Amino acid sequence: MYRAVTRQIEVTVEPNFMPERSSTAEYFWSYTIVITNSGHETVQLRTRHWIITDASGRRQEVRGEGVVGEQPTLAPGEHFKYTSGVPLPTESGFMTGRYQMVTESGERFEIDVPTFSLDSPQARRTLN
């Protein structure tokens, strides 16, 4: 599991290789993210920014509103969990990103998503 904390908001990521959705032309991972508000004010996730890099060094940037069609609001002590996925043309890669948050008073700030590794079983065997 990967973890980052920004302004008392914790983001954890658990990636999972999905062989049933993968082929030699495209490899697929799901990732489950939990965002926990350990702070003292209510916040809302507004936007996401992902940087996805495959094993050949090709970068793709993805920006958009919310996550999985939602812009969750988290009161102190609450968490939001979601699962999404990503395909790559290579057997491994990594992702990193940021979420833009906003407080009830309208203050905007960004929080880090930890950089996480996407490794297929084939890639792990190659490294050993």
N, C-alpha and C. Protein backbone atom coordinates (compact mmCIF):
# COMPACT_ATOMS: atom_id res chain seq x y z
N MET A 1 0.85 -1.19 0.00
CA MET A 1 0.00 0.00 0.00
C MET A 1 0.89 1.24 0.00
N TYR A 2 0.43 2.26 -0.67
CA TYR A 2 1.13 3.53 -0.79
C TYR A 2 0.33 4.58 -0.03
N ARG A 3 1.04 5.56 0.59
CA ARG A 3 0.35 6.52 1.45
C ARG A 3 0.99 7.90 1.35
N ALA A 4 0.13 8.94 1.33
CA ALA A 4 0.59 10.33 1.40
C ALA A 4 -0.38 11.10 2.29
N VAL A 5 0.13 12.07 3.03
CA VAL A 5 -0.70 12.92 3.88
C VAL A 5 -0.38 14.38 3.57
N THR A 6 -1.42 15.15 3.27
CA THR A 6 -1.29 16.59 3.03
C THR A 6 -2.39 17.28 3.82
N ARG A 7 -2.02 18.23 4.65
CA ARG A 7 -3.01 19.01 5.44
C ARG A 7 -4.01 18.11 6.16
N GLN A 8 -3.51 17.07 6.76
CA GLN A 8 -4.31 16.13 7.56
C GLN A 8 -5.33 15.36 6.72
N ILE A 9 -5.06 15.25 5.43
CA ILE A 9 -5.89 14.40 4.56
C ILE A 9 -4.98 13.31 4.03
N GLU A 10 -5.34 12.07 4.36
CA GLU A 10 -4.55 10.91 3.98
C GLU A 10 -5.11 10.29 2.70
N VAL A 11 -4.22 9.94 1.78
CA VAL A 11 -4.59 9.24 0.56
C VAL A 11 -3.79 7.95 0.53
N THR A 12 -4.48 6.80 0.47
CA THR A 12 -3.80 5.52 0.33
C THR A 12 -4.22 4.90 -1.00
N VAL A 13 -3.29 4.15 -1.59
CA VAL A 13 -3.53 3.52 -2.88
C VAL A 13 -3.09 2.07 -2.82
N GLU A 14 -3.93 1.19 -3.35
CA GLU A 14 -3.61 -0.23 -3.46
C GLU A 14 -3.82 -0.65 -4.92
N PRO A 15 -2.71 -0.76 -5.71
CA PRO A 15 -2.85 -1.18 -7.10
C PRO A 15 -2.98 -2.70 -7.21
N ASN A 16 -3.62 -3.16 -8.28
CA ASN A 16 -3.85 -4.59 -8.48
C ASN A 16 -3.78 -4.91 -9.97
N PHE A 17 -2.83 -5.75 -10.37
CA PHE A 17 -2.73 -6.17 -11.77
C PHE A 17 -3.92 -7.07 -12.09
N MET A 18 -4.51 -6.89 -13.27
CA MET A 18 -5.69 -7.67 -13.67
C MET A 18 -5.37 -8.49 -14.92
N PRO A 19 -4.88 -9.72 -14.75
CA PRO A 19 -4.51 -10.54 -15.91
C PRO A 19 -5.69 -10.84 -16.82
N GLU A 20 -6.89 -10.94 -16.26
CA GLU A 20 -8.08 -11.26 -17.07
C GLU A 20 -8.46 -10.14 -18.03
N ARG A 21 -7.97 -8.93 -17.79
CA ARG A 21 -8.24 -7.79 -18.68
C ARG A 21 -7.01 -7.38 -19.47
N SER A 22 -5.94 -8.17 -19.36
CA SER A 22 -4.67 -7.83 -19.99
C SER A 22 -4.38 -8.77 -21.16
N SER A 23 -3.51 -8.27 -22.07
CA SER A 23 -3.04 -9.08 -23.20
C SER A 23 -1.60 -8.65 -23.47
N THR A 24 -0.97 -9.22 -24.49
CA THR A 24 0.40 -8.81 -24.80
C THR A 24 0.45 -7.41 -25.40
N ALA A 25 -0.69 -6.89 -25.86
CA ALA A 25 -0.74 -5.55 -26.43
C ALA A 25 -1.10 -4.48 -25.40
N GLU A 26 -1.76 -4.88 -24.31
CA GLU A 26 -2.20 -3.91 -23.30
C GLU A 26 -2.31 -4.61 -21.95
N TYR A 27 -1.74 -3.97 -20.95
CA TYR A 27 -1.77 -4.49 -19.58
C TYR A 27 -2.69 -3.58 -18.77
N PHE A 28 -3.45 -4.18 -17.84
CA PHE A 28 -4.47 -3.40 -17.13
C PHE A 28 -4.35 -3.60 -15.62
N TRP A 29 -4.47 -2.49 -14.91
CA TRP A 29 -4.46 -2.50 -13.44
C TRP A 29 -5.70 -1.79 -12.93
N SER A 30 -6.20 -2.27 -11.80
CA SER A 30 -7.17 -1.49 -11.04
C SER A 30 -6.39 -0.87 -9.88
N TYR A 31 -6.92 0.18 -9.31
CA TYR A 31 -6.33 0.75 -8.11
C TYR A 31 -7.47 1.25 -7.22
N THR A 32 -7.33 0.95 -5.94
CA THR A 32 -8.32 1.38 -4.96
C THR A 32 -7.70 2.49 -4.12
N ILE A 33 -8.42 3.59 -4.04
CA ILE A 33 -7.95 4.76 -3.30
C ILE A 33 -8.91 5.04 -2.15
N VAL A 34 -8.34 5.33 -0.98
CA VAL A 34 -9.11 5.76 0.18
C VAL A 34 -8.59 7.14 0.58
N ILE A 35 -9.50 8.11 0.64
CA ILE A 35 -9.18 9.47 1.06
C ILE A 35 -9.82 9.67 2.43
N THR A 36 -9.00 9.96 3.44
CA THR A 36 -9.49 10.11 4.81
C THR A 36 -9.20 11.52 5.31
N ASN A 37 -10.25 12.19 5.80
CA ASN A 37 -10.10 13.54 6.34
C ASN A 37 -9.87 13.44 7.85
N SER A 38 -8.61 13.62 8.25
CA SER A 38 -8.26 13.60 9.68
C SER A 38 -8.16 15.01 10.24
N GLY A 39 -8.53 16.00 9.44
CA GLY A 39 -8.45 17.39 9.86
C GLY A 39 -9.69 17.84 10.62
N HIS A 40 -9.82 19.15 10.78
CA HIS A 40 -10.90 19.73 11.57
C HIS A 40 -11.93 20.47 10.74
N GLU A 41 -11.75 20.49 9.41
CA GLU A 41 -12.73 21.18 8.58
C GLU A 41 -13.22 20.28 7.45
N THR A 42 -14.43 20.52 7.02
CA THR A 42 -15.02 19.77 5.92
C THR A 42 -14.39 20.22 4.61
N VAL A 43 -14.08 19.24 3.76
CA VAL A 43 -13.46 19.54 2.47
C VAL A 43 -14.18 18.78 1.36
N GLN A 44 -14.07 19.31 0.14
CA GLN A 44 -14.66 18.63 -1.01
C GLN A 44 -13.58 18.44 -2.07
N LEU A 45 -13.54 17.25 -2.67
CA LEU A 45 -12.63 16.99 -3.77
C LEU A 45 -13.25 17.56 -5.04
N ARG A 46 -12.53 18.43 -5.72
CA ARG A 46 -13.06 19.07 -6.93
C ARG A 46 -12.50 18.49 -8.21
N THR A 47 -11.15 18.40 -8.29
CA THR A 47 -10.55 17.93 -9.54
C THR A 47 -9.42 16.94 -9.26
N ARG A 48 -9.02 16.24 -10.33
CA ARG A 48 -7.90 15.31 -10.25
C ARG A 48 -6.91 15.65 -11.36
N HIS A 49 -5.65 15.33 -11.11
CA HIS A 49 -4.58 15.47 -12.10
C HIS A 49 -3.67 14.26 -11.94
N TRP A 50 -3.63 13.42 -12.97
CA TRP A 50 -2.80 12.21 -12.95
C TRP A 50 -1.67 12.36 -13.94
N ILE A 51 -0.51 11.82 -13.58
CA ILE A 51 0.60 11.65 -14.50
C ILE A 51 0.89 10.15 -14.52
N ILE A 52 0.72 9.56 -15.69
CA ILE A 52 0.87 8.11 -15.86
C ILE A 52 2.08 7.89 -16.76
N THR A 53 3.05 7.10 -16.29
CA THR A 53 4.28 6.86 -17.05
C THR A 53 4.46 5.37 -17.25
N ASP A 54 4.66 4.95 -18.50
CA ASP A 54 4.86 3.52 -18.75
C ASP A 54 6.36 3.19 -18.69
N ALA A 55 6.70 1.92 -18.88
CA ALA A 55 8.08 1.47 -18.73
C ALA A 55 9.01 2.04 -19.80
N SER A 56 8.46 2.54 -20.89
CA SER A 56 9.27 3.17 -21.95
C SER A 56 9.48 4.66 -21.71
N GLY A 57 8.91 5.17 -20.61
CA GLY A 57 9.06 6.58 -20.28
C GLY A 57 8.02 7.48 -20.91
N ARG A 58 7.05 6.91 -21.61
CA ARG A 58 5.97 7.73 -22.20
C ARG A 58 5.05 8.20 -21.08
N ARG A 59 4.78 9.51 -21.09
CA ARG A 59 3.92 10.12 -20.06
C ARG A 59 2.58 10.51 -20.65
N GLN A 60 1.55 10.30 -19.85
CA GLN A 60 0.21 10.75 -20.21
C GLN A 60 -0.33 11.52 -19.01
N GLU A 61 -0.89 12.70 -19.27
CA GLU A 61 -1.50 13.48 -18.19
C GLU A 61 -3.01 13.45 -18.36
N VAL A 62 -3.69 13.25 -17.24
CA VAL A 62 -5.15 13.19 -17.24
C VAL A 62 -5.64 14.19 -16.20
N ARG A 63 -6.51 15.09 -16.64
CA ARG A 63 -7.12 16.08 -15.73
C ARG A 63 -8.62 15.97 -15.87
N GLY A 64 -9.32 16.20 -14.77
CA GLY A 64 -10.77 16.15 -14.87
C GLY A 64 -11.45 16.53 -13.58
N GLU A 65 -12.76 16.62 -13.68
CA GLU A 65 -13.59 16.93 -12.52
C GLU A 65 -13.74 15.68 -11.66
N GLY A 66 -13.56 15.81 -10.37
CA GLY A 66 -13.84 14.74 -9.43
C GLY A 66 -13.13 13.43 -9.73
N VAL A 67 -13.67 12.37 -9.13
CA VAL A 67 -13.17 11.01 -9.33
C VAL A 67 -14.36 10.09 -9.52
N VAL A 68 -14.27 9.17 -10.45
CA VAL A 68 -15.34 8.23 -10.79
C VAL A 68 -16.73 8.89 -10.82
N GLY A 69 -16.78 10.09 -11.41
CA GLY A 69 -18.04 10.79 -11.56
C GLY A 69 -18.56 11.48 -10.31
N GLU A 70 -17.76 11.55 -9.27
CA GLU A 70 -18.18 12.16 -8.01
C GLU A 70 -17.21 13.24 -7.56
N GLN A 71 -17.74 14.17 -6.78
CA GLN A 71 -16.93 15.19 -6.10
C GLN A 71 -17.28 15.09 -4.62
N PRO A 72 -16.71 14.07 -3.94
CA PRO A 72 -17.13 13.78 -2.57
C PRO A 72 -16.77 14.88 -1.58
N THR A 73 -17.66 15.08 -0.61
CA THR A 73 -17.44 15.99 0.50
C THR A 73 -17.15 15.15 1.73
N LEU A 74 -16.07 15.50 2.43
CA LEU A 74 -15.64 14.74 3.60
C LEU A 74 -15.62 15.63 4.83
N ALA A 75 -16.48 15.32 5.77
CA ALA A 75 -16.46 15.99 7.06
C ALA A 75 -15.28 15.42 7.86
N PRO A 76 -14.86 16.09 8.94
CA PRO A 76 -13.78 15.54 9.76
C PRO A 76 -14.09 14.11 10.19
N GLY A 77 -13.10 13.22 10.01
CA GLY A 77 -13.26 11.82 10.39
C GLY A 77 -13.86 10.94 9.29
N GLU A 78 -14.35 11.51 8.21
CA GLU A 78 -14.96 10.71 7.14
C GLU A 78 -13.92 10.30 6.11
N HIS A 79 -14.26 9.24 5.36
CA HIS A 79 -13.40 8.80 4.26
C HIS A 79 -14.25 8.48 3.04
N PHE A 80 -13.58 8.46 1.89
CA PHE A 80 -14.21 8.12 0.62
C PHE A 80 -13.32 7.10 -0.06
N LYS A 81 -13.91 6.01 -0.52
CA LYS A 81 -13.16 4.93 -1.16
C LYS A 81 -13.70 4.71 -2.56
N TYR A 82 -12.80 4.55 -3.53
CA TYR A 82 -13.22 4.24 -4.89
C TYR A 82 -12.18 3.39 -5.59
N THR A 83 -12.62 2.72 -6.64
CA THR A 83 -11.73 1.90 -7.47
C THR A 83 -11.85 2.36 -8.91
N SER A 84 -10.72 2.49 -9.56
CA SER A 84 -10.69 2.84 -10.97
C SER A 84 -9.64 1.96 -11.64
N GLY A 85 -9.32 2.24 -12.90
CA GLY A 85 -8.36 1.41 -13.59
C GLY A 85 -7.57 2.18 -14.62
N VAL A 86 -6.47 1.54 -15.08
CA VAL A 86 -5.60 2.16 -16.06
C VAL A 86 -4.95 1.08 -16.94
N PRO A 87 -4.96 1.28 -18.26
CA PRO A 87 -4.23 0.39 -19.15
C PRO A 87 -2.87 0.99 -19.51
N LEU A 88 -1.90 0.13 -19.76
CA LEU A 88 -0.58 0.56 -20.24
C LEU A 88 -0.15 -0.34 -21.38
N PRO A 89 0.67 0.18 -22.31
CA PRO A 89 1.18 -0.67 -23.38
C PRO A 89 2.39 -1.49 -22.95
N THR A 90 2.90 -1.27 -21.73
CA THR A 90 4.07 -1.99 -21.23
C THR A 90 3.69 -2.77 -19.96
N GLU A 91 4.58 -3.69 -19.57
CA GLU A 91 4.31 -4.57 -18.42
C GLU A 91 4.42 -3.88 -17.07
N SER A 92 4.87 -2.64 -17.06
CA SER A 92 4.98 -1.92 -15.80
C SER A 92 4.95 -0.42 -16.06
N GLY A 93 4.86 0.32 -14.98
CA GLY A 93 4.84 1.77 -15.05
C GLY A 93 4.54 2.32 -13.67
N PHE A 94 4.19 3.60 -13.62
CA PHE A 94 3.79 4.17 -12.34
C PHE A 94 2.86 5.35 -12.56
N MET A 95 2.16 5.70 -11.51
CA MET A 95 1.24 6.83 -11.52
C MET A 95 1.51 7.72 -10.32
N THR A 96 1.25 8.99 -10.50
CA THR A 96 1.30 9.94 -9.40
C THR A 96 0.25 11.00 -9.70
N GLY A 97 -0.12 11.77 -8.71
CA GLY A 97 -1.14 12.77 -8.98
C GLY A 97 -1.42 13.69 -7.81
N ARG A 98 -2.44 14.52 -8.04
CA ARG A 98 -2.89 15.47 -7.03
C ARG A 98 -4.39 15.65 -7.17
N TYR A 99 -5.03 15.94 -6.06
CA TYR A 99 -6.45 16.30 -6.05
C TYR A 99 -6.55 17.76 -5.62
N GLN A 100 -7.42 18.51 -6.27
CA GLN A 100 -7.71 19.85 -5.79
C GLN A 100 -8.89 19.74 -4.84
N MET A 101 -8.72 20.30 -3.65
CA MET A 101 -9.75 20.28 -2.63
C MET A 101 -10.21 21.71 -2.37
N VAL A 102 -11.39 21.85 -1.77
CA VAL A 102 -11.87 23.16 -1.37
C VAL A 102 -12.53 23.02 0.01
N THR A 103 -12.28 24.00 0.88
CA THR A 103 -12.88 24.00 2.21
C THR A 103 -14.27 24.64 2.13
N GLU A 104 -15.02 24.54 3.21
CA GLU A 104 -16.35 25.17 3.26
C GLU A 104 -16.27 26.68 3.10
N SER A 105 -15.15 27.26 3.52
CA SER A 105 -14.98 28.72 3.38
C SER A 105 -14.51 29.12 1.99
N GLY A 106 -14.26 28.14 1.11
CA GLY A 106 -13.89 28.44 -0.26
C GLY A 106 -12.40 28.40 -0.56
N GLU A 107 -11.58 28.09 0.44
CA GLU A 107 -10.13 27.99 0.22
C GLU A 107 -9.82 26.76 -0.61
N ARG A 108 -9.06 26.96 -1.68
CA ARG A 108 -8.65 25.84 -2.54
C ARG A 108 -7.21 25.46 -2.22
N PHE A 109 -6.94 24.16 -2.23
CA PHE A 109 -5.58 23.67 -2.01
C PHE A 109 -5.47 22.30 -2.66
N GLU A 110 -4.23 21.86 -2.87
CA GLU A 110 -4.01 20.56 -3.49
C GLU A 110 -3.44 19.58 -2.49
N ILE A 111 -3.81 18.31 -2.66
CA ILE A 111 -3.23 17.25 -1.84
C ILE A 111 -2.57 16.24 -2.77
N ASP A 112 -1.55 15.59 -2.25
CA ASP A 112 -0.78 14.62 -3.02
C ASP A 112 -1.44 13.25 -3.02
N VAL A 113 -1.37 12.60 -4.17
CA VAL A 113 -1.64 11.18 -4.26
C VAL A 113 -0.25 10.54 -4.31
N PRO A 114 0.03 9.52 -3.49
CA PRO A 114 1.38 8.97 -3.51
C PRO A 114 1.70 8.35 -4.87
N THR A 115 2.96 8.46 -5.27
CA THR A 115 3.40 7.76 -6.48
C THR A 115 3.30 6.27 -6.21
N PHE A 116 2.67 5.54 -7.14
CA PHE A 116 2.54 4.10 -6.95
C PHE A 116 2.95 3.34 -8.21
N SER A 117 3.48 2.16 -7.96
CA SER A 117 4.04 1.33 -9.01
C SER A 117 2.97 0.41 -9.60
N LEU A 118 3.03 0.23 -10.91
CA LEU A 118 2.16 -0.70 -11.61
C LEU A 118 3.07 -1.78 -12.19
N ASP A 119 3.04 -2.96 -11.59
CA ASP A 119 3.91 -4.05 -12.02
C ASP A 119 3.10 -5.30 -12.29
N SER A 120 3.28 -5.85 -13.47
CA SER A 120 2.64 -7.12 -13.79
C SER A 120 3.54 -8.25 -13.28
N PRO A 121 3.00 -9.46 -13.13
CA PRO A 121 3.86 -10.59 -12.72
C PRO A 121 5.02 -10.80 -13.71
N GLN A 122 4.79 -10.56 -15.01
CA GLN A 122 5.86 -10.69 -15.99
C GLN A 122 6.98 -9.70 -15.72
N ALA A 123 6.65 -8.48 -15.37
CA ALA A 123 7.65 -7.44 -15.09
C ALA A 123 8.44 -7.81 -13.85
N ARG A 124 7.79 -8.36 -12.84
CA ARG A 124 8.49 -8.75 -11.61
C ARG A 124 9.48 -9.87 -11.88
N ARG A 125 9.11 -10.84 -12.73
CA ARG A 125 10.03 -11.93 -13.07
C ARG A 125 11.25 -11.40 -13.81
N THR A 126 11.06 -10.41 -14.67
CA THR A 126 12.14 -9.84 -15.44
C THR A 126 13.14 -9.12 -14.55
N LEU A 127 12.67 -8.53 -13.45
CA LEU A 127 13.54 -7.78 -12.54
C LEU A 127 14.41 -8.69 -11.68
N ASN A 128 14.00 -9.91 -11.48
CA ASN A 128 14.73 -10.83 -10.58
C ASN A 128 15.90 -11.49 -11.26
